[in-house]
């Protein structure tokens, strides 16, 4: 979580996310990678949070992004970004670790 950021305030969330990514990149001089996990974004209120306002289309080369959501409006909208997608059934912990290692390495 981004400390002090209201999750339904798209402007502040966007600014905090961009600052955090920039800070990570600068502190590590581009030599380390990070994984940004946005779990269950479909639980955000669509009428209060427009993901286009706070979730970038492009991330720094040192940042990998994993977004999870159920089928529905958020999933449909994310498909328009043409990001790689994986349809995931309920998985064991071992299976989840293998997928993360394969696609986020």
PDB file of N, CA and C in Angstrom:
ATOM      1  N   UNK A   1       0.843  -1.184   0.000  1.00  0.00           N
ATOM      2  CA  UNK A   1       0.000   0.000   0.000  1.00  0.00           C
ATOM      3  C   UNK A   1       0.886   1.244   0.000  1.00  0.00           C
ATOM      4  N   UNK A   2       0.405   2.272  -0.615  1.00  0.00           N
ATOM      5  CA  UNK A   2       1.110   3.544  -0.621  1.00  0.00           C
ATOM      6  C   UNK A   2       0.626   4.339   0.584  1.00  0.00           C
ATOM      7  N   UNK A   3       1.505   4.574   1.516  1.00  0.00           N
ATOM      8  CA  UNK A   3       1.140   5.206   2.781  1.00  0.00           C
ATOM      9  C   UNK A   3       0.463   6.549   2.573  1.00  0.00           C
ATOM     10  N   UNK A   4      -0.666   6.723   3.231  1.00  0.00           N
ATOM     11  CA  UNK A   4      -1.359   7.999   3.218  1.00  0.00           C
ATOM     12  C   UNK A   4      -2.142   8.295   1.964  1.00  0.00           C
ATOM     13  N   UNK A   5      -2.264   7.341   1.053  1.00  0.00           N
ATOM     14  CA  UNK A   5      -2.974   7.584  -0.207  1.00  0.00           C
ATOM     15  C   UNK A   5      -4.341   6.927  -0.130  1.00  0.00           C
ATOM     16  N   UNK A   6      -5.373   7.709  -0.365  1.00  0.00           N
ATOM     17  CA  UNK A   6      -6.718   7.165  -0.413  1.00  0.00           C
ATOM     18  C   UNK A   6      -6.877   6.436  -1.734  1.00  0.00           C
ATOM     19  N   UNK A   7      -7.273   5.187  -1.657  1.00  0.00           N
ATOM     20  CA  UNK A   7      -7.339   4.354  -2.854  1.00  0.00           C
ATOM     21  C   UNK A   7      -8.425   4.791  -3.827  1.00  0.00           C
ATOM     22  N   UNK A   8      -9.357   5.633  -3.400  1.00  0.00           N
ATOM     23  CA  UNK A   8     -10.390   6.088  -4.330  1.00  0.00           C
ATOM     24  C   UNK A   8     -10.092   7.480  -4.869  1.00  0.00           C
ATOM     25  N   UNK A   9      -8.900   7.979  -4.640  1.00  0.00           N
ATOM     26  CA  UNK A   9      -8.488   9.284  -5.145  1.00  0.00           C
ATOM     27  C   UNK A   9      -7.492   9.068  -6.274  1.00  0.00           C
ATOM     28  N   UNK A  10      -7.990   9.028  -7.498  1.00  0.00           N
ATOM     29  CA  UNK A  10      -7.172   8.654  -8.653  1.00  0.00           C
ATOM     30  C   UNK A  10      -5.984   9.589  -8.858  1.00  0.00           C
ATOM     31  N   UNK A  11      -6.167  10.884  -8.661  1.00  0.00           N
ATOM     32  CA  UNK A  11      -5.073  11.835  -8.885  1.00  0.00           C
ATOM     33  C   UNK A  11      -3.937  11.590  -7.910  1.00  0.00           C
ATOM     34  N   UNK A  12      -4.249  11.480  -6.625  1.00  0.00           N
ATOM     35  CA  UNK A  12      -3.205  11.246  -5.628  1.00  0.00           C
ATOM     36  C   UNK A  12      -2.578   9.864  -5.789  1.00  0.00           C
ATOM     37  N   UNK A  13      -3.381   8.879  -6.151  1.00  0.00           N
ATOM     38  CA  UNK A  13      -2.848   7.539  -6.367  1.00  0.00           C
ATOM     39  C   UNK A  13      -1.865   7.534  -7.534  1.00  0.00           C
ATOM     40  N   UNK A  14      -2.204   8.209  -8.609  1.00  0.00           N
ATOM     41  CA  UNK A  14      -1.320   8.300  -9.769  1.00  0.00           C
ATOM     42  C   UNK A  14       0.000   8.959  -9.401  1.00  0.00           C
ATOM     43  N   UNK A  15      -0.076  10.080  -8.693  1.00  0.00           N
ATOM     44  CA  UNK A  15       1.139  10.793  -8.304  1.00  0.00           C
ATOM     45  C   UNK A  15       2.002   9.940  -7.373  1.00  0.00           C
ATOM     46  N   UNK A  16       1.374   9.274  -6.396  1.00  0.00           N
ATOM     47  CA  UNK A  16       2.126   8.452  -5.448  1.00  0.00           C
ATOM     48  C   UNK A  16       2.763   7.253  -6.140  1.00  0.00           C
ATOM     49  N   UNK A  17       2.035   6.628  -7.051  1.00  0.00           N
ATOM     50  CA  UNK A  17       2.571   5.480  -7.780  1.00  0.00           C
ATOM     51  C   UNK A  17       3.757   5.896  -8.642  1.00  0.00           C
ATOM     52  N   UNK A  18       3.633   7.005  -9.353  1.00  0.00           N
ATOM     53  CA  UNK A  18       4.737   7.486 -10.190  1.00  0.00           C
ATOM     54  C   UNK A  18       5.953   7.863  -9.359  1.00  0.00           C
ATOM     55  N   UNK A  19       5.735   8.514  -8.215  1.00  0.00           N
ATOM     56  CA  UNK A  19       6.857   8.860  -7.326  1.00  0.00           C
ATOM     57  C   UNK A  19       7.545   7.609  -6.802  1.00  0.00           C
ATOM     58  N   UNK A  20       6.772   6.612  -6.417  1.00  0.00           N
ATOM     59  CA  UNK A  20       7.343   5.378  -5.878  1.00  0.00           C
ATOM     60  C   UNK A  20       8.173   4.652  -6.939  1.00  0.00           C
ATOM     61  N   UNK A  21       7.670   4.584  -8.167  1.00  0.00           N
ATOM     62  CA  UNK A  21       8.424   3.917  -9.235  1.00  0.00           C
ATOM     63  C   UNK A  21       9.697   4.679  -9.570  1.00  0.00           C
ATOM     64  N   UNK A  22       9.602   5.999  -9.636  1.00  0.00           N
ATOM     65  CA  UNK A  22      10.779   6.813  -9.930  1.00  0.00           C
ATOM     66  C   UNK A  22      11.815   6.675  -8.827  1.00  0.00           C
ATOM     67  N   UNK A  23      11.365   6.700  -7.583  1.00  0.00           N
ATOM     68  CA  UNK A  23      12.286   6.574  -6.444  1.00  0.00           C
ATOM     69  C   UNK A  23      12.987   5.218  -6.470  1.00  0.00           C
ATOM     70  N   UNK A  24      12.231   4.155  -6.725  1.00  0.00           N
ATOM     71  CA  UNK A  24      12.824   2.824  -6.809  1.00  0.00           C
ATOM     72  C   UNK A  24      13.895   2.784  -7.890  1.00  0.00           C
ATOM     73  N   UNK A  25      13.558   3.307  -9.061  1.00  0.00           N
ATOM     74  CA  UNK A  25      14.492   3.287 -10.187  1.00  0.00           C
ATOM     75  C   UNK A  25      15.768   4.074  -9.855  1.00  0.00           C
ATOM     76  N   UNK A  26      15.620   5.250  -9.265  1.00  0.00           N
ATOM     77  CA  UNK A  26      16.776   6.077  -8.944  1.00  0.00           C
ATOM     78  C   UNK A  26      17.624   5.466  -7.840  1.00  0.00           C
ATOM     79  N   UNK A  27      16.995   4.940  -6.805  1.00  0.00           N
ATOM     80  CA  UNK A  27      17.742   4.350  -5.692  1.00  0.00           C
ATOM     81  C   UNK A  27      18.548   3.132  -6.131  1.00  0.00           C
ATOM     82  N   UNK A  28      18.017   2.398  -7.091  1.00  0.00           N
ATOM     83  CA  UNK A  28      18.681   1.176  -7.536  1.00  0.00           C
ATOM     84  C   UNK A  28      19.451   1.348  -8.833  1.00  0.00           C
ATOM     85  N   UNK A  29      19.489   2.577  -9.341  1.00  0.00           N
ATOM     86  CA  UNK A  29      20.235   2.914 -10.555  1.00  0.00           C
ATOM     87  C   UNK A  29      19.933   1.949 -11.703  1.00  0.00           C
ATOM     88  N   UNK A  30      18.687   1.473 -11.749  1.00  0.00           N
ATOM     89  CA  UNK A  30      18.270   0.592 -12.831  1.00  0.00           C
ATOM     90  C   UNK A  30      18.853  -0.801 -12.777  1.00  0.00           C
ATOM     91  N   UNK A  31      19.472  -1.190 -11.656  1.00  0.00           N
ATOM     92  CA  UNK A  31      20.133  -2.489 -11.571  1.00  0.00           C
ATOM     93  C   UNK A  31      19.261  -3.567 -10.938  1.00  0.00           C
ATOM     94  N   UNK A  32      18.160  -3.182 -10.303  1.00  0.00           N
ATOM     95  CA  UNK A  32      17.267  -4.158  -9.657  1.00  0.00           C
ATOM     96  C   UNK A  32      15.875  -4.026 -10.241  1.00  0.00           C
ATOM     97  N   UNK A  33      15.136  -5.107 -10.156  1.00  0.00           N
ATOM     98  CA  UNK A  33      13.761  -5.113 -10.640  1.00  0.00           C
ATOM     99  C   UNK A  33      12.789  -5.158  -9.465  1.00  0.00           C
ATOM    100  N   UNK A  34      11.592  -4.702  -9.739  1.00  0.00           N
ATOM    101  CA  UNK A  34      10.515  -4.776  -8.748  1.00  0.00           C
ATOM    102  C   UNK A  34       9.278  -5.319  -9.437  1.00  0.00           C
ATOM    103  N   UNK A  35       8.432  -5.934  -8.645  1.00  0.00           N
ATOM    104  CA  UNK A  35       7.149  -6.413  -9.137  1.00  0.00           C
ATOM    105  C   UNK A  35       6.063  -5.616  -8.429  1.00  0.00           C
ATOM    106  N   UNK A  36       5.224  -4.983  -9.205  1.00  0.00           N
ATOM    107  CA  UNK A  36       4.080  -4.248  -8.680  1.00  0.00           C
ATOM    108  C   UNK A  36       2.862  -5.153  -8.821  1.00  0.00           C
ATOM    109  N   UNK A  37       2.293  -5.565  -7.702  1.00  0.00           N
ATOM    110  CA  UNK A  37       1.137  -6.454  -7.717  1.00  0.00           C
ATOM    111  C   UNK A  37      -0.093  -5.653  -7.336  1.00  0.00           C
ATOM    112  N   UNK A  38      -1.054  -5.621  -8.238  1.00  0.00           N
ATOM    113  CA  UNK A  38      -2.330  -4.949  -8.001  1.00  0.00           C
ATOM    114  C   UNK A  38      -3.392  -6.035  -7.990  1.00  0.00           C
ATOM    115  N   UNK A  39      -3.759  -6.456  -6.809  1.00  0.00           N
ATOM    116  CA  UNK A  39      -4.655  -7.587  -6.645  1.00  0.00           C
ATOM    117  C   UNK A  39      -6.098  -7.122  -6.509  1.00  0.00           C
ATOM    118  N   UNK A  40      -6.979  -7.812  -7.188  1.00  0.00           N
ATOM    119  CA  UNK A  40      -8.431  -7.608  -7.069  1.00  0.00           C
ATOM    120  C   UNK A  40      -8.850  -6.169  -7.380  1.00  0.00           C
ATOM    121  N   UNK A  41      -8.322  -5.608  -8.464  1.00  0.00           N
ATOM    122  CA  UNK A  41      -8.689  -4.222  -8.782  1.00  0.00           C
ATOM    123  C   UNK A  41     -10.158  -4.082  -9.134  1.00  0.00           C
ATOM    124  N   UNK A  42     -10.802  -5.198  -9.440  1.00  0.00           N
ATOM    125  CA  UNK A  42     -12.232  -5.136  -9.732  1.00  0.00           C
ATOM    126  C   UNK A  42     -13.053  -4.784  -8.488  1.00  0.00           C
ATOM    127  N   UNK A  43     -12.435  -4.807  -7.321  1.00  0.00           N
ATOM    128  CA  UNK A  43     -13.136  -4.415  -6.094  1.00  0.00           C
ATOM    129  C   UNK A  43     -13.161  -2.899  -5.902  1.00  0.00           C
ATOM    130  N   UNK A  44     -12.376  -2.186  -6.717  1.00  0.00           N
ATOM    131  CA  UNK A  44     -12.419  -0.729  -6.664  1.00  0.00           C
ATOM    132  C   UNK A  44     -13.750  -0.252  -7.244  1.00  0.00           C
ATOM    133  N   UNK A  45     -14.226   0.848  -6.761  1.00  0.00           N
ATOM    134  CA  UNK A  45     -15.479   1.408  -7.252  1.00  0.00           C
ATOM    135  C   UNK A  45     -15.240   2.090  -8.589  1.00  0.00           C
ATOM    136  N   UNK A  46     -15.878   1.588  -9.646  1.00  0.00           N
ATOM    137  CA  UNK A  46     -15.690   2.158 -10.980  1.00  0.00           C
ATOM    138  C   UNK A  46     -16.148   3.606 -11.066  1.00  0.00           C
ATOM    139  N   UNK A  47     -17.194   3.942 -10.320  1.00  0.00           N
ATOM    140  CA  UNK A  47     -17.702   5.311 -10.412  1.00  0.00           C
ATOM    141  C   UNK A  47     -16.799   6.303  -9.701  1.00  0.00           C
ATOM    142  N   UNK A  48     -15.907   5.837  -8.821  1.00  0.00           N
ATOM    143  CA  UNK A  48     -14.996   6.732  -8.106  1.00  0.00           C
ATOM    144  C   UNK A  48     -13.552   6.625  -8.591  1.00  0.00           C
ATOM    145  N   UNK A  49     -13.212   5.509  -9.237  1.00  0.00           N
ATOM    146  CA  UNK A  49     -11.825   5.269  -9.636  1.00  0.00           C
ATOM    147  C   UNK A  49     -11.753   4.858 -11.092  1.00  0.00           C
ATOM    148  N   UNK A  50     -11.198   5.720 -11.910  1.00  0.00           N
ATOM    149  CA  UNK A  50     -10.982   5.423 -13.324  1.00  0.00           C
ATOM    150  C   UNK A  50      -9.534   4.954 -13.459  1.00  0.00           C
ATOM    151  N   UNK A  51      -9.332   3.675 -13.788  1.00  0.00           N
ATOM    152  CA  UNK A  51      -7.960   3.154 -13.825  1.00  0.00           C
ATOM    153  C   UNK A  51      -7.098   3.845 -14.868  1.00  0.00           C
ATOM    154  N   UNK A  52      -7.704   4.438 -15.886  1.00  0.00           N
ATOM    155  CA  UNK A  52      -6.909   5.166 -16.871  1.00  0.00           C
ATOM    156  C   UNK A  52      -6.254   6.401 -16.278  1.00  0.00           C
ATOM    157  N   UNK A  53      -6.789   6.896 -15.170  1.00  0.00           N
ATOM    158  CA  UNK A  53      -6.214   8.085 -14.541  1.00  0.00           C
ATOM    159  C   UNK A  53      -5.011   7.762 -13.665  1.00  0.00           C
ATOM    160  N   UNK A  54      -4.919   6.554 -13.153  1.00  0.00           N
ATOM    161  CA  UNK A  54      -3.826   6.258 -12.219  1.00  0.00           C
ATOM    162  C   UNK A  54      -2.931   5.089 -12.616  1.00  0.00           C
ATOM    163  N   UNK A  55      -3.378   4.214 -13.512  1.00  0.00           N
ATOM    164  CA  UNK A  55      -2.560   3.072 -13.896  1.00  0.00           C
ATOM    165  C   UNK A  55      -1.927   3.330 -15.254  1.00  0.00           C
ATOM    166  N   UNK A  56      -0.604   3.537 -15.273  1.00  0.00           N
ATOM    167  CA  UNK A  56       0.062   3.836 -16.546  1.00  0.00           C
ATOM    168  C   UNK A  56      -0.076   2.694 -17.546  1.00  0.00           C
ATOM    169  N   UNK A  57       0.047   3.012 -18.823  1.00  0.00           N
ATOM    170  CA  UNK A  57       0.093   1.988 -19.870  1.00  0.00           C
ATOM    171  C   UNK A  57       1.490   1.416 -20.014  1.00  0.00           C
ATOM    172  N   UNK A  58       2.498   2.230 -19.720  1.00  0.00           N
ATOM    173  CA  UNK A  58       3.895   1.850 -19.869  1.00  0.00           C
ATOM    174  C   UNK A  58       4.589   2.054 -18.534  1.00  0.00           C
ATOM    175  N   UNK A  59       5.448   1.106 -18.177  1.00  0.00           N
ATOM    176  CA  UNK A  59       6.180   1.162 -16.910  1.00  0.00           C
ATOM    177  C   UNK A  59       7.675   1.181 -17.193  1.00  0.00           C
ATOM    178  N   UNK A  60       8.472   1.664 -16.235  1.00  0.00           N
ATOM    179  CA  UNK A  60       9.931   1.616 -16.398  1.00  0.00           C
ATOM    180  C   UNK A  60      10.386   0.174 -16.633  1.00  0.00           C
ATOM    181  N   UNK A  61      11.505   0.012 -17.307  1.00  0.00           N
ATOM    182  CA  UNK A  61      11.996  -1.328 -17.639  1.00  0.00           C
ATOM    183  C   UNK A  61      12.311  -2.160 -16.400  1.00  0.00           C
ATOM    184  N   UNK A  62      12.498  -1.525 -15.258  1.00  0.00           N
ATOM    185  CA  UNK A  62      12.820  -2.245 -14.029  1.00  0.00           C
ATOM    186  C   UNK A  62      11.576  -2.666 -13.248  1.00  0.00           C
ATOM    187  N   UNK A  63      10.408  -2.322 -13.742  1.00  0.00           N
ATOM    188  CA  UNK A  63       9.157  -2.625 -13.042  1.00  0.00           C
ATOM    189  C   UNK A  63       8.341  -3.627 -13.862  1.00  0.00           C
ATOM    190  N   UNK A  64       7.984  -4.734 -13.239  1.00  0.00           N
ATOM    191  CA  UNK A  64       7.059  -5.701 -13.822  1.00  0.00           C
ATOM    192  C   UNK A  64       5.740  -5.534 -13.090  1.00  0.00           C
ATOM    193  N   UNK A  65       4.643  -5.730 -13.797  1.00  0.00           N
ATOM    194  CA  UNK A  65       3.325  -5.484 -13.214  1.00  0.00           C
ATOM    195  C   UNK A  65       2.460  -6.725 -13.343  1.00  0.00           C
ATOM    196  N   UNK A  66       1.789  -7.063 -12.251  1.00  0.00           N
ATOM    197  CA  UNK A  66       0.825  -8.149 -12.254  1.00  0.00           C
ATOM    198  C   UNK A  66      -0.480  -7.582 -11.712  1.00  0.00           C
ATOM    199  N   UNK A  67      -1.533  -7.673 -12.521  1.00  0.00           N
ATOM    200  CA  UNK A  67      -2.845  -7.159 -12.143  1.00  0.00           C
ATOM    201  C   UNK A  67      -3.806  -8.336 -12.095  1.00  0.00           C
ATOM    202  N   UNK A  68      -4.564  -8.425 -11.011  1.00  0.00           N
ATOM    203  CA  UNK A  68      -5.576  -9.475 -10.967  1.00  0.00           C
ATOM    204  C   UNK A  68      -6.958  -8.854 -10.848  1.00  0.00           C
ATOM    205  N   UNK A  69      -7.904  -9.498 -11.519  1.00  0.00           N
ATOM    206  CA  UNK A  69      -9.305  -9.083 -11.419  1.00  0.00           C
ATOM    207  C   UNK A  69     -10.173 -10.219 -11.946  1.00  0.00           C
ATOM    208  N   UNK A  70     -11.415 -10.188 -11.549  1.00  0.00           N
ATOM    209  CA  UNK A  70     -12.380 -11.163 -12.065  1.00  0.00           C
ATOM    210  C   UNK A  70     -12.879 -10.681 -13.417  1.00  0.00           C
ATOM    211  N   UNK A  71     -13.534 -11.557 -14.152  1.00  0.00           N
ATOM    212  CA  UNK A  71     -14.152 -11.146 -15.411  1.00  0.00           C
ATOM    213  C   UNK A  71     -15.152 -10.035 -15.138  1.00  0.00           C
ATOM    214  N   UNK A  72     -15.241  -9.112 -16.067  1.00  0.00           N
ATOM    215  CA  UNK A  72     -16.169  -7.999 -15.911  1.00  0.00           C
ATOM    216  C   UNK A  72     -15.596  -6.742 -16.527  1.00  0.00           C
ATOM    217  N   UNK A  73     -16.127  -5.577 -16.151  1.00  0.00           N
ATOM    218  CA  UNK A  73     -15.707  -4.309 -16.770  1.00  0.00           C
ATOM    219  C   UNK A  73     -14.213  -4.014 -16.648  1.00  0.00           C
ATOM    220  N   UNK A  74     -13.604  -4.264 -15.486  1.00  0.00           N
ATOM    221  CA  UNK A  74     -12.168  -3.990 -15.349  1.00  0.00           C
ATOM    222  C   UNK A  74     -11.367  -4.908 -16.269  1.00  0.00           C
ATOM    223  N   UNK A  75     -11.701  -6.182 -16.296  1.00  0.00           N
ATOM    224  CA  UNK A  75     -10.986  -7.125 -17.168  1.00  0.00           C
ATOM    225  C   UNK A  75     -11.157  -6.731 -18.633  1.00  0.00           C
ATOM    226  N   UNK A  76     -12.362  -6.370 -19.006  1.00  0.00           N
ATOM    227  CA  UNK A  76     -12.612  -5.951 -20.391  1.00  0.00           C
ATOM    228  C   UNK A  76     -11.795  -4.711 -20.739  1.00  0.00           C
ATOM    229  N   UNK A  77     -11.728  -3.779 -19.809  1.00  0.00           N
ATOM    230  CA  UNK A  77     -10.969  -2.554 -20.069  1.00  0.00           C
ATOM    231  C   UNK A  77      -9.472  -2.840 -20.174  1.00  0.00           C
ATOM    232  N   UNK A  78      -8.959  -3.688 -19.303  1.00  0.00           N
ATOM    233  CA  UNK A  78      -7.532  -4.018 -19.361  1.00  0.00           C
ATOM    234  C   UNK A  78      -7.169  -4.704 -20.669  1.00  0.00           C
ATOM    235  N   UNK A  79      -8.094  -5.466 -21.245  1.00  0.00           N
ATOM    236  CA  UNK A  79      -7.832  -6.122 -22.528  1.00  0.00           C
ATOM    237  C   UNK A  79      -7.563  -5.104 -23.632  1.00  0.00           C
ATOM    238  N   UNK A  80      -8.134  -3.910 -23.522  1.00  0.00           N
ATOM    239  CA  UNK A  80      -7.913  -2.893 -24.554  1.00  0.00           C
ATOM    240  C   UNK A  80      -6.478  -2.379 -24.527  1.00  0.00           C
ATOM    241  N   UNK A  81      -5.758  -2.611 -23.442  1.00  0.00           N
ATOM    242  CA  UNK A  81      -4.356  -2.177 -23.348  1.00  0.00           C
ATOM    243  C   UNK A  81      -3.409  -3.131 -24.064  1.00  0.00           C
ATOM    244  N   UNK A  82      -3.902  -4.267 -24.455  1.00  0.00           N
ATOM    245  CA  UNK A  82      -3.118  -5.279 -25.174  1.00  0.00           C
ATOM    246  C   UNK A  82      -1.916  -5.778 -24.365  1.00  0.00           C
ATOM    247  N   UNK A  83      -2.075  -5.858 -23.066  1.00  0.00           N
ATOM    248  CA  UNK A  83      -1.060  -6.452 -22.209  1.00  0.00           C
ATOM    249  C   UNK A  83      -1.178  -7.957 -22.296  1.00  0.00           C
ATOM    250  N   UNK A  84      -0.098  -8.640 -21.995  1.00  0.00           N
ATOM    251  CA  UNK A  84      -0.154 -10.101 -21.928  1.00  0.00           C
ATOM    252  C   UNK A  84      -1.122 -10.493 -20.821  1.00  0.00           C
ATOM    253  N   UNK A  85      -1.939 -11.478 -21.104  1.00  0.00           N
ATOM    254  CA  UNK A  85      -2.909 -11.921 -20.103  1.00  0.00           C
ATOM    255  C   UNK A  85      -2.823 -13.417 -19.907  1.00  0.00           C
ATOM    256  N   UNK A  86      -3.156 -13.820 -18.724  1.00  0.00           N
ATOM    257  CA  UNK A  86      -3.204 -15.233 -18.375  1.00  0.00           C
ATOM    258  C   UNK A  86      -4.522 -15.457 -17.647  1.00  0.00           C
ATOM    259  N   UNK A  87      -5.329 -16.362 -18.141  1.00  0.00           N
ATOM    260  CA  UNK A  87      -6.564 -16.724 -17.445  1.00  0.00           C
ATOM    261  C   UNK A  87      -6.170 -17.791 -16.423  1.00  0.00           C
ATOM    262  N   UNK A  88      -6.391 -17.497 -15.164  1.00  0.00           N
ATOM    263  CA  UNK A  88      -5.899 -18.364 -14.098  1.00  0.00           C
ATOM    264  C   UNK A  88      -7.061 -18.958 -13.297  1.00  0.00           C
ATOM    265  N   UNK A  89      -7.188 -20.280 -13.301  1.00  0.00           N
ATOM    266  CA  UNK A  89      -8.169 -20.912 -12.410  1.00  0.00           C
ATOM    267  C   UNK A  89      -7.603 -20.918 -10.992  1.00  0.00           C
ATOM    268  N   UNK A  90      -8.361 -21.374 -10.034  1.00  0.00           N
ATOM    269  CA  UNK A  90      -7.851 -21.479  -8.671  1.00  0.00           C
ATOM    270  C   UNK A  90      -6.640 -22.406  -8.682  1.00  0.00           C
ATOM    271  N   UNK A  91      -5.530 -21.926  -8.132  1.00  0.00           N
ATOM    272  CA  UNK A  91      -4.271 -22.662  -8.191  1.00  0.00           C
ATOM    273  C   UNK A  91      -3.713 -22.957  -6.803  1.00  0.00           C
ATOM    274  N   UNK A  92      -2.885 -23.970  -6.735  1.00  0.00           N
ATOM    275  CA  UNK A  92      -2.144 -24.255  -5.509  1.00  0.00           C
ATOM    276  C   UNK A  92      -1.034 -23.219  -5.355  1.00  0.00           C
ATOM    277  N   UNK A  93      -0.474 -23.105  -4.180  1.00  0.00           N
ATOM    278  CA  UNK A  93       0.632 -22.183  -3.940  1.00  0.00           C
ATOM    279  C   UNK A  93       1.819 -22.483  -4.839  1.00  0.00           C
ATOM    280  N   UNK A  94       2.104 -23.757  -5.059  1.00  0.00           N
ATOM    281  CA  UNK A  94       3.223 -24.159  -5.923  1.00  0.00           C
ATOM    282  C   UNK A  94       2.985 -23.713  -7.365  1.00  0.00           C
ATOM    283  N   UNK A  95       1.771 -23.865  -7.852  1.00  0.00           N
ATOM    284  CA  UNK A  95       1.441 -23.461  -9.219  1.00  0.00           C
ATOM    285  C   UNK A  95       1.539 -21.955  -9.381  1.00  0.00           C
ATOM    286  N   UNK A  96       1.075 -21.193  -8.376  1.00  0.00           N
ATOM    287  CA  UNK A  96       1.168 -19.731  -8.437  1.00  0.00           C
ATOM    288  C   UNK A  96       2.629 -19.293  -8.491  1.00  0.00           C
ATOM    289  N   UNK A  97       3.481 -19.914  -7.702  1.00  0.00           N
ATOM    290  CA  UNK A  97       4.916 -19.562  -7.699  1.00  0.00           C
ATOM    291  C   UNK A  97       5.553 -19.854  -9.050  1.00  0.00           C
ATOM    292  N   UNK A  98       5.188 -20.958  -9.671  1.00  0.00           N
ATOM    293  CA  UNK A  98       5.754 -21.308 -10.983  1.00  0.00           C
ATOM    294  C   UNK A  98       5.344 -20.297 -12.051  1.00  0.00           C
ATOM    295  N   UNK A  99       4.090 -19.868 -12.029  1.00  0.00           N
ATOM    296  CA  UNK A  99       3.624 -18.871 -13.003  1.00  0.00           C
ATOM    297  C   UNK A  99       4.352 -17.561 -12.796  1.00  0.00           C
ATOM    298  N   UNK A 100       4.481 -17.117 -11.560  1.00  0.00           N
ATOM    299  CA  UNK A 100       5.173 -15.862 -11.283  1.00  0.00           C
ATOM    300  C   UNK A 100       6.625 -15.931 -11.758  1.00  0.00           C
ATOM    301  N   UNK A 101       7.298 -17.047 -11.491  1.00  0.00           N
ATOM    302  CA  UNK A 101       8.692 -17.204 -11.898  1.00  0.00           C
ATOM    303  C   UNK A 101       8.825 -17.194 -13.422  1.00  0.00           C
ATOM    304  N   UNK A 102       7.891 -17.802 -14.112  1.00  0.00           N
ATOM    305  CA  UNK A 102       7.958 -17.899 -15.567  1.00  0.00           C
ATOM    306  C   UNK A 102       7.692 -16.556 -16.246  1.00  0.00           C
ATOM    307  N   UNK A 103       6.662 -15.853 -15.816  1.00  0.00           N
ATOM    308  CA  UNK A 103       6.226 -14.651 -16.525  1.00  0.00           C
ATOM    309  C   UNK A 103       6.802 -13.355 -15.991  1.00  0.00           C
ATOM    310  N   UNK A 104       7.370 -13.366 -14.794  1.00  0.00           N
ATOM    311  CA  UNK A 104       7.890 -12.132 -14.215  1.00  0.00           C
ATOM    312  C   UNK A 104       9.398 -12.116 -14.094  1.00  0.00           C
ATOM    313  N   UNK A 105      10.036 -13.145 -14.566  1.00  0.00           N
ATOM    314  CA  UNK A 105      11.507 -13.231 -14.459  1.00  0.00           C
ATOM    315  C   UNK A 105      12.173 -12.190 -15.328  1.00  0.00           C
TER     316      UNK A 105
END
